[in-house]
């Protein structure tokens, strides 16, 4: 059991509130984390602990530029943030075979 699963279980036991965790590397890249991911995971966890100590529940943690920030979960999910399917990053990903499961990938699936 990883530390996230362990802490999630402990928090749920202590608080009686359903607690979930995610594996940062899976969320970011779908694979094993690189050093940046590991440091980001520590920074996210530290910011989350700060929020708990401040009594700020119902907030989410995010990396904004180079800073860890928080915002109400409702605000974070209120607006749909779309990625430009014609951006260089998406086009480069498609060129190396990454599928996004959309109509542009129909011939590749």
PDB file of N, CA and C in Angstrom:
ATOM      1  N   UNK A   1       0.848  -1.175   0.000  1.00  0.00           N
ATOM      2  CA  UNK A   1       0.000   0.000   0.000  1.00  0.00           C
ATOM      3  C   UNK A   1       0.892   1.237   0.000  1.00  0.00           C
ATOM      4  N   UNK A   2       0.643   2.166  -0.905  1.00  0.00           N
ATOM      5  CA  UNK A   2       1.407   3.403  -0.971  1.00  0.00           C
ATOM      6  C   UNK A   2       0.995   4.378   0.117  1.00  0.00           C
ATOM      7  N   UNK A   3       1.791   5.447   0.261  1.00  0.00           N
ATOM      8  CA  UNK A   3       1.527   6.424   1.307  1.00  0.00           C
ATOM      9  C   UNK A   3       0.179   7.114   1.107  1.00  0.00           C
ATOM     10  N   UNK A   4      -0.201   7.388  -0.145  1.00  0.00           N
ATOM     11  CA  UNK A   4      -1.489   8.050  -0.397  1.00  0.00           C
ATOM     12  C   UNK A   4      -2.645   7.171   0.070  1.00  0.00           C
ATOM     13  N   UNK A   5      -2.590   5.885  -0.242  1.00  0.00           N
ATOM     14  CA  UNK A   5      -3.647   4.966   0.187  1.00  0.00           C
ATOM     15  C   UNK A   5      -3.675   4.855   1.704  1.00  0.00           C
ATOM     16  N   UNK A   6      -2.503   4.779   2.316  1.00  0.00           N
ATOM     17  CA  UNK A   6      -2.407   4.686   3.763  1.00  0.00           C
ATOM     18  C   UNK A   6      -3.021   5.912   4.431  1.00  0.00           C
ATOM     19  N   UNK A   7      -2.606   7.110   3.976  1.00  0.00           N
ATOM     20  CA  UNK A   7      -3.123   8.344   4.565  1.00  0.00           C
ATOM     21  C   UNK A   7      -4.620   8.498   4.333  1.00  0.00           C
ATOM     22  N   UNK A   8      -5.072   8.122   3.156  1.00  0.00           N
ATOM     23  CA  UNK A   8      -6.496   8.209   2.840  1.00  0.00           C
ATOM     24  C   UNK A   8      -7.314   7.355   3.802  1.00  0.00           C
ATOM     25  N   UNK A   9      -6.860   6.145   4.025  1.00  0.00           N
ATOM     26  CA  UNK A   9      -7.546   5.235   4.943  1.00  0.00           C
ATOM     27  C   UNK A   9      -7.541   5.791   6.368  1.00  0.00           C
ATOM     28  N   UNK A  10      -6.384   6.289   6.805  1.00  0.00           N
ATOM     29  CA  UNK A  10      -6.275   6.857   8.154  1.00  0.00           C
ATOM     30  C   UNK A  10      -7.202   8.058   8.315  1.00  0.00           C
ATOM     31  N   UNK A  11      -7.184   8.979   7.332  1.00  0.00           N
ATOM     32  CA  UNK A  11      -8.034  10.174   7.405  1.00  0.00           C
ATOM     33  C   UNK A  11      -9.507   9.797   7.460  1.00  0.00           C
ATOM     34  N   UNK A  12      -9.882   8.813   6.652  1.00  0.00           N
ATOM     35  CA  UNK A  12     -11.286   8.391   6.643  1.00  0.00           C
ATOM     36  C   UNK A  12     -11.677   7.782   7.987  1.00  0.00           C
ATOM     37  N   UNK A  13     -10.776   7.005   8.569  1.00  0.00           N
ATOM     38  CA  UNK A  13     -11.049   6.393   9.868  1.00  0.00           C
ATOM     39  C   UNK A  13     -11.183   7.462  10.957  1.00  0.00           C
ATOM     40  N   UNK A  14     -10.293   8.423  10.940  1.00  0.00           N
ATOM     41  CA  UNK A  14     -10.288   9.468  11.971  1.00  0.00           C
ATOM     42  C   UNK A  14     -11.487  10.412  11.830  1.00  0.00           C
ATOM     43  N   UNK A  15     -11.781  10.820  10.591  1.00  0.00           N
ATOM     44  CA  UNK A  15     -12.812  11.840  10.380  1.00  0.00           C
ATOM     45  C   UNK A  15     -14.200  11.275  10.138  1.00  0.00           C
ATOM     46  N   UNK A  16     -14.266  10.023   9.652  1.00  0.00           N
ATOM     47  CA  UNK A  16     -15.556   9.454   9.284  1.00  0.00           C
ATOM     48  C   UNK A  16     -16.068   9.998   7.963  1.00  0.00           C
ATOM     49  N   UNK A  17     -15.219  10.729   7.251  1.00  0.00           N
ATOM     50  CA  UNK A  17     -15.582  11.314   5.956  1.00  0.00           C
ATOM     51  C   UNK A  17     -14.896  10.514   4.852  1.00  0.00           C
ATOM     52  N   UNK A  18     -15.667  10.180   3.811  1.00  0.00           N
ATOM     53  CA  UNK A  18     -15.083   9.438   2.686  1.00  0.00           C
ATOM     54  C   UNK A  18     -13.869  10.196   2.154  1.00  0.00           C
ATOM     55  N   UNK A  19     -12.787   9.498   1.966  1.00  0.00           N
ATOM     56  CA  UNK A  19     -11.539  10.095   1.504  1.00  0.00           C
ATOM     57  C   UNK A  19     -11.003   9.290   0.324  1.00  0.00           C
ATOM     58  N   UNK A  20     -10.601   9.992  -0.694  1.00  0.00           N
ATOM     59  CA  UNK A  20     -10.049   9.331  -1.881  1.00  0.00           C
ATOM     60  C   UNK A  20      -8.652   9.851  -2.166  1.00  0.00           C
ATOM     61  N   UNK A  21      -7.906   9.090  -2.909  1.00  0.00           N
ATOM     62  CA  UNK A  21      -6.567   9.510  -3.295  1.00  0.00           C
ATOM     63  C   UNK A  21      -6.355   9.165  -4.764  1.00  0.00           C
ATOM     64  N   UNK A  22      -5.333   9.765  -5.352  1.00  0.00           N
ATOM     65  CA  UNK A  22      -4.966   9.400  -6.723  1.00  0.00           C
ATOM     66  C   UNK A  22      -3.453   9.260  -6.787  1.00  0.00           C
ATOM     67  N   UNK A  23      -2.995   8.467  -7.711  1.00  0.00           N
ATOM     68  CA  UNK A  23      -1.567   8.297  -7.949  1.00  0.00           C
ATOM     69  C   UNK A  23      -1.174   9.370  -8.950  1.00  0.00           C
ATOM     70  N   UNK A  24      -0.352  10.320  -8.510  1.00  0.00           N
ATOM     71  CA  UNK A  24      -0.040  11.495  -9.316  1.00  0.00           C
ATOM     72  C   UNK A  24       0.512  11.136 -10.696  1.00  0.00           C
ATOM     73  N   UNK A  25       1.406  10.174 -10.762  1.00  0.00           N
ATOM     74  CA  UNK A  25       1.986   9.797 -12.056  1.00  0.00           C
ATOM     75  C   UNK A  25       0.935   9.299 -13.030  1.00  0.00           C
ATOM     76  N   UNK A  26      -0.079   8.582 -12.525  1.00  0.00           N
ATOM     77  CA  UNK A  26      -1.145   8.081 -13.395  1.00  0.00           C
ATOM     78  C   UNK A  26      -1.985   9.232 -13.906  1.00  0.00           C
ATOM     79  N   UNK A  27      -2.236  10.216 -13.026  1.00  0.00           N
ATOM     80  CA  UNK A  27      -3.052  11.368 -13.407  1.00  0.00           C
ATOM     81  C   UNK A  27      -2.339  12.204 -14.455  1.00  0.00           C
ATOM     82  N   UNK A  28      -1.050  12.388 -14.295  1.00  0.00           N
ATOM     83  CA  UNK A  28      -0.316  13.290 -15.167  1.00  0.00           C
ATOM     84  C   UNK A  28       0.097  12.648 -16.491  1.00  0.00           C
ATOM     85  N   UNK A  29       0.626  11.453 -16.421  1.00  0.00           N
ATOM     86  CA  UNK A  29       1.195  10.876 -17.632  1.00  0.00           C
ATOM     87  C   UNK A  29       0.717   9.466 -17.930  1.00  0.00           C
ATOM     88  N   UNK A  30      -0.028   8.886 -17.043  1.00  0.00           N
ATOM     89  CA  UNK A  30      -0.478   7.526 -17.256  1.00  0.00           C
ATOM     90  C   UNK A  30       0.620   6.506 -17.041  1.00  0.00           C
ATOM     91  N   UNK A  31       1.674   6.874 -16.331  1.00  0.00           N
ATOM     92  CA  UNK A  31       2.761   5.934 -16.115  1.00  0.00           C
ATOM     93  C   UNK A  31       3.536   6.249 -14.859  1.00  0.00           C
ATOM     94  N   UNK A  32       4.744   5.757 -14.796  1.00  0.00           N
ATOM     95  CA  UNK A  32       5.583   5.975 -13.614  1.00  0.00           C
ATOM     96  C   UNK A  32       5.972   7.445 -13.499  1.00  0.00           C
ATOM     97  N   UNK A  33       5.984   7.960 -12.269  1.00  0.00           N
ATOM     98  CA  UNK A  33       6.335   9.369 -12.093  1.00  0.00           C
ATOM     99  C   UNK A  33       7.815   9.637 -12.333  1.00  0.00           C
ATOM    100  N   UNK A  34       8.102  10.835 -12.810  1.00  0.00           N
ATOM    101  CA  UNK A  34       9.480  11.309 -12.975  1.00  0.00           C
ATOM    102  C   UNK A  34       9.783  12.195 -11.773  1.00  0.00           C
ATOM    103  N   UNK A  35      11.031  12.642 -11.577  1.00  0.00           N
ATOM    104  CA  UNK A  35      11.347  13.466 -10.408  1.00  0.00           C
ATOM    105  C   UNK A  35      10.429  14.685 -10.234  1.00  0.00           C
ATOM    106  N   UNK A  36      10.088  15.368 -11.310  1.00  0.00           N
ATOM    107  CA  UNK A  36       9.179  16.518 -11.197  1.00  0.00           C
ATOM    108  C   UNK A  36       7.859  16.101 -10.565  1.00  0.00           C
ATOM    109  N   UNK A  37       7.322  14.955 -10.988  1.00  0.00           N
ATOM    110  CA  UNK A  37       6.056  14.463 -10.443  1.00  0.00           C
ATOM    111  C   UNK A  37       6.164  14.201  -8.946  1.00  0.00           C
ATOM    112  N   UNK A  38       7.287  13.619  -8.541  1.00  0.00           N
ATOM    113  CA  UNK A  38       7.465  13.295  -7.132  1.00  0.00           C
ATOM    114  C   UNK A  38       7.528  14.562  -6.277  1.00  0.00           C
ATOM    115  N   UNK A  39       8.256  15.569  -6.754  1.00  0.00           N
ATOM    116  CA  UNK A  39       8.337  16.835  -6.017  1.00  0.00           C
ATOM    117  C   UNK A  39       6.971  17.517  -6.023  1.00  0.00           C
ATOM    118  N   UNK A  40       6.277  17.477  -7.157  1.00  0.00           N
ATOM    119  CA  UNK A  40       4.947  18.075  -7.235  1.00  0.00           C
ATOM    120  C   UNK A  40       3.994  17.381  -6.257  1.00  0.00           C
ATOM    121  N   UNK A  41       4.104  16.073  -6.138  1.00  0.00           N
ATOM    122  CA  UNK A  41       3.267  15.340  -5.198  1.00  0.00           C
ATOM    123  C   UNK A  41       3.499  15.790  -3.763  1.00  0.00           C
ATOM    124  N   UNK A  42       4.761  16.007  -3.405  1.00  0.00           N
ATOM    125  CA  UNK A  42       5.090  16.486  -2.060  1.00  0.00           C
ATOM    126  C   UNK A  42       4.527  17.890  -1.861  1.00  0.00           C
ATOM    127  N   UNK A  43       4.688  18.741  -2.877  1.00  0.00           N
ATOM    128  CA  UNK A  43       4.183  20.123  -2.766  1.00  0.00           C
ATOM    129  C   UNK A  43       2.659  20.143  -2.635  1.00  0.00           C
ATOM    130  N   UNK A  44       1.971  19.288  -3.409  1.00  0.00           N
ATOM    131  CA  UNK A  44       0.501  19.206  -3.308  1.00  0.00           C
ATOM    132  C   UNK A  44       0.096  18.749  -1.911  1.00  0.00           C
ATOM    133  N   UNK A  45       0.771  17.730  -1.414  1.00  0.00           N
ATOM    134  CA  UNK A  45       0.456  17.220  -0.086  1.00  0.00           C
ATOM    135  C   UNK A  45       0.700  18.255   0.993  1.00  0.00           C
ATOM    136  N   UNK A  46       1.813  18.986   0.892  1.00  0.00           N
ATOM    137  CA  UNK A  46       2.129  20.014   1.888  1.00  0.00           C
ATOM    138  C   UNK A  46       1.078  21.123   1.864  1.00  0.00           C
ATOM    139  N   UNK A  47       0.657  21.526   0.664  1.00  0.00           N
ATOM    140  CA  UNK A  47      -0.370  22.565   0.551  1.00  0.00           C
ATOM    141  C   UNK A  47      -1.697  22.059   1.112  1.00  0.00           C
ATOM    142  N   UNK A  48      -2.033  20.805   0.852  1.00  0.00           N
ATOM    143  CA  UNK A  48      -3.272  20.230   1.386  1.00  0.00           C
ATOM    144  C   UNK A  48      -3.246  20.216   2.911  1.00  0.00           C
ATOM    145  N   UNK A  49      -2.103  19.898   3.495  1.00  0.00           N
ATOM    146  CA  UNK A  49      -1.977  19.913   4.954  1.00  0.00           C
ATOM    147  C   UNK A  49      -2.143  21.331   5.487  1.00  0.00           C
ATOM    148  N   UNK A  50      -1.552  22.306   4.778  1.00  0.00           N
ATOM    149  CA  UNK A  50      -1.734  23.711   5.173  1.00  0.00           C
ATOM    150  C   UNK A  50      -3.216  24.073   5.191  1.00  0.00           C
ATOM    151  N   UNK A  51      -3.949  23.642   4.161  1.00  0.00           N
ATOM    152  CA  UNK A  51      -5.382  23.953   4.083  1.00  0.00           C
ATOM    153  C   UNK A  51      -6.146  23.318   5.250  1.00  0.00           C
ATOM    154  N   UNK A  52      -5.782  22.088   5.596  1.00  0.00           N
ATOM    155  CA  UNK A  52      -6.430  21.419   6.725  1.00  0.00           C
ATOM    156  C   UNK A  52      -6.165  22.196   8.012  1.00  0.00           C
ATOM    157  N   UNK A  53      -4.908  22.592   8.203  1.00  0.00           N
ATOM    158  CA  UNK A  53      -4.551  23.351   9.409  1.00  0.00           C
ATOM    159  C   UNK A  53      -5.292  24.683   9.479  1.00  0.00           C
ATOM    160  N   UNK A  54      -5.579  25.273   8.313  1.00  0.00           N
ATOM    161  CA  UNK A  54      -6.296  26.554   8.248  1.00  0.00           C
ATOM    162  C   UNK A  54      -7.810  26.363   8.292  1.00  0.00           C
ATOM    163  N   UNK A  55      -8.261  25.112   8.317  1.00  0.00           N
ATOM    164  CA  UNK A  55      -9.696  24.840   8.349  1.00  0.00           C
ATOM    165  C   UNK A  55     -10.387  25.103   7.028  1.00  0.00           C
ATOM    166  N   UNK A  56      -9.633  25.097   5.946  1.00  0.00           N
ATOM    167  CA  UNK A  56     -10.192  25.350   4.610  1.00  0.00           C
ATOM    168  C   UNK A  56     -10.514  24.018   3.940  1.00  0.00           C
ATOM    169  N   UNK A  57     -11.739  23.550   4.172  1.00  0.00           N
ATOM    170  CA  UNK A  57     -12.174  22.301   3.574  1.00  0.00           C
ATOM    171  C   UNK A  57     -12.988  22.606   2.322  1.00  0.00           C
ATOM    172  N   UNK A  58     -13.130  21.642   1.420  1.00  0.00           N
ATOM    173  CA  UNK A  58     -13.861  21.867   0.179  1.00  0.00           C
ATOM    174  C   UNK A  58     -13.049  22.642  -0.837  1.00  0.00           C
ATOM    175  N   UNK A  59     -11.733  22.659  -0.662  1.00  0.00           N
ATOM    176  CA  UNK A  59     -10.844  23.339  -1.603  1.00  0.00           C
ATOM    177  C   UNK A  59      -9.953  22.311  -2.283  1.00  0.00           C
ATOM    178  N   UNK A  60      -9.442  22.680  -3.432  1.00  0.00           N
ATOM    179  CA  UNK A  60      -8.528  21.822  -4.168  1.00  0.00           C
ATOM    180  C   UNK A  60      -7.198  22.544  -4.335  1.00  0.00           C
ATOM    181  N   UNK A  61      -6.153  21.786  -4.535  1.00  0.00           N
ATOM    182  CA  UNK A  61      -4.805  22.324  -4.679  1.00  0.00           C
ATOM    183  C   UNK A  61      -4.411  22.255  -6.144  1.00  0.00           C
ATOM    184  N   UNK A  62      -3.700  23.289  -6.603  1.00  0.00           N
ATOM    185  CA  UNK A  62      -3.257  23.309  -7.995  1.00  0.00           C
ATOM    186  C   UNK A  62      -1.906  24.009  -8.104  1.00  0.00           C
ATOM    187  N   UNK A  63      -1.188  23.687  -9.156  1.00  0.00           N
ATOM    188  CA  UNK A  63       0.052  24.378  -9.491  1.00  0.00           C
ATOM    189  C   UNK A  63      -0.321  25.494 -10.460  1.00  0.00           C
ATOM    190  N   UNK A  64      -0.066  26.735 -10.062  1.00  0.00           N
ATOM    191  CA  UNK A  64      -0.314  27.892 -10.934  1.00  0.00           C
ATOM    192  C   UNK A  64       1.024  28.560 -11.172  1.00  0.00           C
ATOM    193  N   UNK A  65       1.501  28.465 -12.405  1.00  0.00           N
ATOM    194  CA  UNK A  65       2.849  28.910 -12.767  1.00  0.00           C
ATOM    195  C   UNK A  65       3.850  28.140 -11.914  1.00  0.00           C
ATOM    196  N   UNK A  66       4.470  28.776 -10.926  1.00  0.00           N
ATOM    197  CA  UNK A  66       5.424  28.055 -10.076  1.00  0.00           C
ATOM    198  C   UNK A  66       4.938  27.947  -8.633  1.00  0.00           C
ATOM    199  N   UNK A  67       3.717  28.392  -8.360  1.00  0.00           N
ATOM    200  CA  UNK A  67       3.198  28.418  -6.992  1.00  0.00           C
ATOM    201  C   UNK A  67       2.086  27.397  -6.782  1.00  0.00           C
ATOM    202  N   UNK A  68       2.020  26.862  -5.563  1.00  0.00           N
ATOM    203  CA  UNK A  68       0.906  26.009  -5.177  1.00  0.00           C
ATOM    204  C   UNK A  68      -0.199  26.926  -4.674  1.00  0.00           C
ATOM    205  N   UNK A  69      -1.381  26.778  -5.211  1.00  0.00           N
ATOM    206  CA  UNK A  69      -2.525  27.606  -4.850  1.00  0.00           C
ATOM    207  C   UNK A  69      -3.702  26.704  -4.506  1.00  0.00           C
ATOM    208  N   UNK A  70      -4.739  27.327  -3.946  1.00  0.00           N
ATOM    209  CA  UNK A  70      -5.959  26.576  -3.687  1.00  0.00           C
ATOM    210  C   UNK A  70      -7.144  27.392  -4.135  1.00  0.00           C
ATOM    211  N   UNK A  71      -8.237  26.681  -4.360  1.00  0.00           N
ATOM    212  CA  UNK A  71      -9.490  27.342  -4.719  1.00  0.00           C
ATOM    213  C   UNK A  71     -10.629  26.417  -4.357  1.00  0.00           C
ATOM    214  N   UNK A  72     -11.823  26.969  -4.171  1.00  0.00           N
ATOM    215  CA  UNK A  72     -12.970  26.109  -3.890  1.00  0.00           C
ATOM    216  C   UNK A  72     -13.169  25.101  -5.025  1.00  0.00           C
ATOM    217  N   UNK A  73     -13.492  23.873  -4.663  1.00  0.00           N
ATOM    218  CA  UNK A  73     -13.701  22.834  -5.672  1.00  0.00           C
ATOM    219  C   UNK A  73     -14.772  23.264  -6.670  1.00  0.00           C
ATOM    220  N   UNK A  74     -15.845  23.891  -6.177  1.00  0.00           N
ATOM    221  CA  UNK A  74     -16.928  24.336  -7.070  1.00  0.00           C
ATOM    222  C   UNK A  74     -16.401  25.288  -8.150  1.00  0.00           C
ATOM    223  N   UNK A  75     -15.489  26.165  -7.768  1.00  0.00           N
ATOM    224  CA  UNK A  75     -14.911  27.106  -8.731  1.00  0.00           C
ATOM    225  C   UNK A  75     -14.029  26.378  -9.748  1.00  0.00           C
ATOM    226  N   UNK A  76     -13.294  25.387  -9.271  1.00  0.00           N
ATOM    227  CA  UNK A  76     -12.371  24.656 -10.140  1.00  0.00           C
ATOM    228  C   UNK A  76     -13.102  23.872 -11.221  1.00  0.00           C
ATOM    229  N   UNK A  77     -14.308  23.375 -10.918  1.00  0.00           N
ATOM    230  CA  UNK A  77     -15.023  22.536 -11.880  1.00  0.00           C
ATOM    231  C   UNK A  77     -16.177  23.264 -12.571  1.00  0.00           C
ATOM    232  N   UNK A  78     -16.389  24.524 -12.237  1.00  0.00           N
ATOM    233  CA  UNK A  78     -17.505  25.288 -12.797  1.00  0.00           C
ATOM    234  C   UNK A  78     -17.390  25.466 -14.316  1.00  0.00           C
ATOM    235  N   UNK A  79     -16.208  25.748 -14.788  1.00  0.00           N
ATOM    236  CA  UNK A  79     -15.992  26.039 -16.206  1.00  0.00           C
ATOM    237  C   UNK A  79     -15.271  24.884 -16.878  1.00  0.00           C
ATOM    238  N   UNK A  80     -15.749  24.498 -18.037  1.00  0.00           N
ATOM    239  CA  UNK A  80     -15.101  23.461 -18.821  1.00  0.00           C
ATOM    240  C   UNK A  80     -13.879  24.073 -19.507  1.00  0.00           C
ATOM    241  N   UNK A  81     -12.710  23.531 -19.225  1.00  0.00           N
ATOM    242  CA  UNK A  81     -11.460  24.025 -19.806  1.00  0.00           C
ATOM    243  C   UNK A  81     -11.061  23.096 -20.946  1.00  0.00           C
ATOM    244  N   UNK A  82     -11.192  23.569 -22.158  1.00  0.00           N
ATOM    245  CA  UNK A  82     -10.901  22.746 -23.330  1.00  0.00           C
ATOM    246  C   UNK A  82      -9.474  22.975 -23.823  1.00  0.00           C
ATOM    247  N   UNK A  83      -8.915  21.954 -24.420  1.00  0.00           N
ATOM    248  CA  UNK A  83      -7.598  22.035 -25.026  1.00  0.00           C
ATOM    249  C   UNK A  83      -7.801  22.192 -26.525  1.00  0.00           C
ATOM    250  N   UNK A  84      -7.077  23.111 -27.138  1.00  0.00           N
ATOM    251  CA  UNK A  84      -7.180  23.329 -28.580  1.00  0.00           C
ATOM    252  C   UNK A  84      -6.659  22.087 -29.303  1.00  0.00           C
ATOM    253  N   UNK A  85      -7.550  21.394 -29.999  1.00  0.00           N
ATOM    254  CA  UNK A  85      -7.170  20.145 -30.672  1.00  0.00           C
ATOM    255  C   UNK A  85      -6.199  20.363 -31.824  1.00  0.00           C
ATOM    256  N   UNK A  86      -5.994  21.600 -32.215  1.00  0.00           N
ATOM    257  CA  UNK A  86      -5.054  21.916 -33.295  1.00  0.00           C
ATOM    258  C   UNK A  86      -3.737  22.476 -32.764  1.00  0.00           C
ATOM    259  N   UNK A  87      -3.557  22.466 -31.442  1.00  0.00           N
ATOM    260  CA  UNK A  87      -2.319  23.016 -30.875  1.00  0.00           C
ATOM    261  C   UNK A  87      -1.128  22.150 -31.280  1.00  0.00           C
ATOM    262  N   UNK A  88       0.058  22.745 -31.252  1.00  0.00           N
ATOM    263  CA  UNK A  88       1.267  22.016 -31.615  1.00  0.00           C
ATOM    264  C   UNK A  88       1.485  20.813 -30.702  1.00  0.00           C
ATOM    265  N   UNK A  89       1.182  20.976 -29.441  1.00  0.00           N
ATOM    266  CA  UNK A  89       1.378  19.884 -28.489  1.00  0.00           C
ATOM    267  C   UNK A  89       0.496  18.687 -28.828  1.00  0.00           C
ATOM    268  N   UNK A  90      -0.762  18.941 -29.123  1.00  0.00           N
ATOM    269  CA  UNK A  90      -1.685  17.855 -29.468  1.00  0.00           C
ATOM    270  C   UNK A  90      -1.288  17.217 -30.800  1.00  0.00           C
ATOM    271  N   UNK A  91      -0.949  18.036 -31.771  1.00  0.00           N
ATOM    272  CA  UNK A  91      -0.527  17.504 -33.067  1.00  0.00           C
ATOM    273  C   UNK A  91       0.731  16.640 -32.928  1.00  0.00           C
ATOM    274  N   UNK A  92       1.687  17.089 -32.123  1.00  0.00           N
ATOM    275  CA  UNK A  92       2.916  16.308 -31.912  1.00  0.00           C
ATOM    276  C   UNK A  92       2.586  14.982 -31.233  1.00  0.00           C
ATOM    277  N   UNK A  93       1.690  15.011 -30.259  1.00  0.00           N
ATOM    278  CA  UNK A  93       1.295  13.783 -29.568  1.00  0.00           C
ATOM    279  C   UNK A  93       0.651  12.807 -30.545  1.00  0.00           C
ATOM    280  N   UNK A  94      -0.225  13.304 -31.405  1.00  0.00           N
ATOM    281  CA  UNK A  94      -0.869  12.440 -32.400  1.00  0.00           C
ATOM    282  C   UNK A  94       0.168  11.835 -33.355  1.00  0.00           C
ATOM    283  N   UNK A  95       1.171  12.631 -33.717  1.00  0.00           N
ATOM    284  CA  UNK A  95       2.208  12.156 -34.643  1.00  0.00           C
ATOM    285  C   UNK A  95       3.010  10.987 -34.073  1.00  0.00           C
ATOM    286  N   UNK A  96       3.129  10.911 -32.756  1.00  0.00           N
ATOM    287  CA  UNK A  96       3.870   9.791 -32.175  1.00  0.00           C
ATOM    288  C   UNK A  96       2.935   8.680 -31.705  1.00  0.00           C
ATOM    289  N   UNK A  97       1.644   8.786 -32.097  1.00  0.00           N
ATOM    290  CA  UNK A  97       0.719   7.691 -31.860  1.00  0.00           C
ATOM    291  C   UNK A  97      -0.145   7.784 -30.621  1.00  0.00           C
ATOM    292  N   UNK A  98      -0.152   8.927 -29.945  1.00  0.00           N
ATOM    293  CA  UNK A  98      -1.010   9.075 -28.765  1.00  0.00           C
ATOM    294  C   UNK A  98      -2.438   9.310 -29.240  1.00  0.00           C
ATOM    295  N   UNK A  99      -3.366   8.559 -28.696  1.00  0.00           N
ATOM    296  CA  UNK A  99      -4.763   8.669 -29.073  1.00  0.00           C
ATOM    297  C   UNK A  99      -5.535   9.396 -27.984  1.00  0.00           C
ATOM    298  N   UNK A 100      -6.412  10.300 -28.387  1.00  0.00           N
ATOM    299  CA  UNK A 100      -7.263  11.025 -27.448  1.00  0.00           C
ATOM    300  C   UNK A 100      -8.695  10.522 -27.502  1.00  0.00           C
ATOM    301  N   UNK A 101      -8.934   9.471 -28.287  1.00  0.00           N
ATOM    302  CA  UNK A 101     -10.240   8.853 -28.346  1.00  0.00           C
ATOM    303  C   UNK A 101     -11.315   9.704 -28.971  1.00  0.00           C
ATOM    304  N   UNK A 102     -10.922  10.659 -29.819  1.00  0.00           N
ATOM    305  CA  UNK A 102     -11.918  11.521 -30.458  1.00  0.00           C
ATOM    306  C   UNK A 102     -12.009  11.204 -31.953  1.00  0.00           C
ATOM    307  N   UNK A 103     -12.800  11.985 -32.661  1.00  0.00           N
ATOM    308  CA  UNK A 103     -13.042  11.732 -34.091  1.00  0.00           C
ATOM    309  C   UNK A 103     -11.742  11.756 -34.899  1.00  0.00           C
ATOM    310  N   UNK A 104     -10.792  12.593 -34.509  1.00  0.00           N
ATOM    311  CA  UNK A 104      -9.531  12.664 -35.234  1.00  0.00           C
ATOM    312  C   UNK A 104      -8.747  11.347 -35.124  1.00  0.00           C
ATOM    313  N   UNK A 105      -9.031  10.563 -34.112  1.00  0.00           N
ATOM    314  CA  UNK A 105      -8.341   9.287 -33.911  1.00  0.00           C
ATOM    315  C   UNK A 105      -9.094   8.116 -34.531  1.00  0.00           C
ATOM    316  N   UNK A 106     -10.256   8.357 -35.096  1.00  0.00           N
ATOM    317  CA  UNK A 106     -11.117   7.286 -35.574  1.00  0.00           C
ATOM    318  C   UNK A 106     -10.397   6.309 -36.489  1.00  0.00           C
ATOM    319  N   UNK A 107      -9.540   6.804 -37.347  1.00  0.00           N
ATOM    320  CA  UNK A 107      -8.821   5.925 -38.259  1.00  0.00           C
ATOM    321  C   UNK A 107      -7.675   5.171 -37.608  1.00  0.00           C
ATOM    322  N   UNK A 108      -7.286   5.591 -36.417  1.00  0.00           N
ATOM    323  CA  UNK A 108      -6.136   4.990 -35.740  1.00  0.00           C
ATOM    324  C   UNK A 108      -6.514   3.992 -34.650  1.00  0.00           C
ATOM    325  N   UNK A 109      -7.813   3.871 -34.368  1.00  0.00           N
ATOM    326  CA  UNK A 109      -8.245   3.013 -33.266  1.00  0.00           C
ATOM    327  C   UNK A 109      -8.539   1.605 -33.768  1.00  0.00           C
TER     328      UNK A 109
END
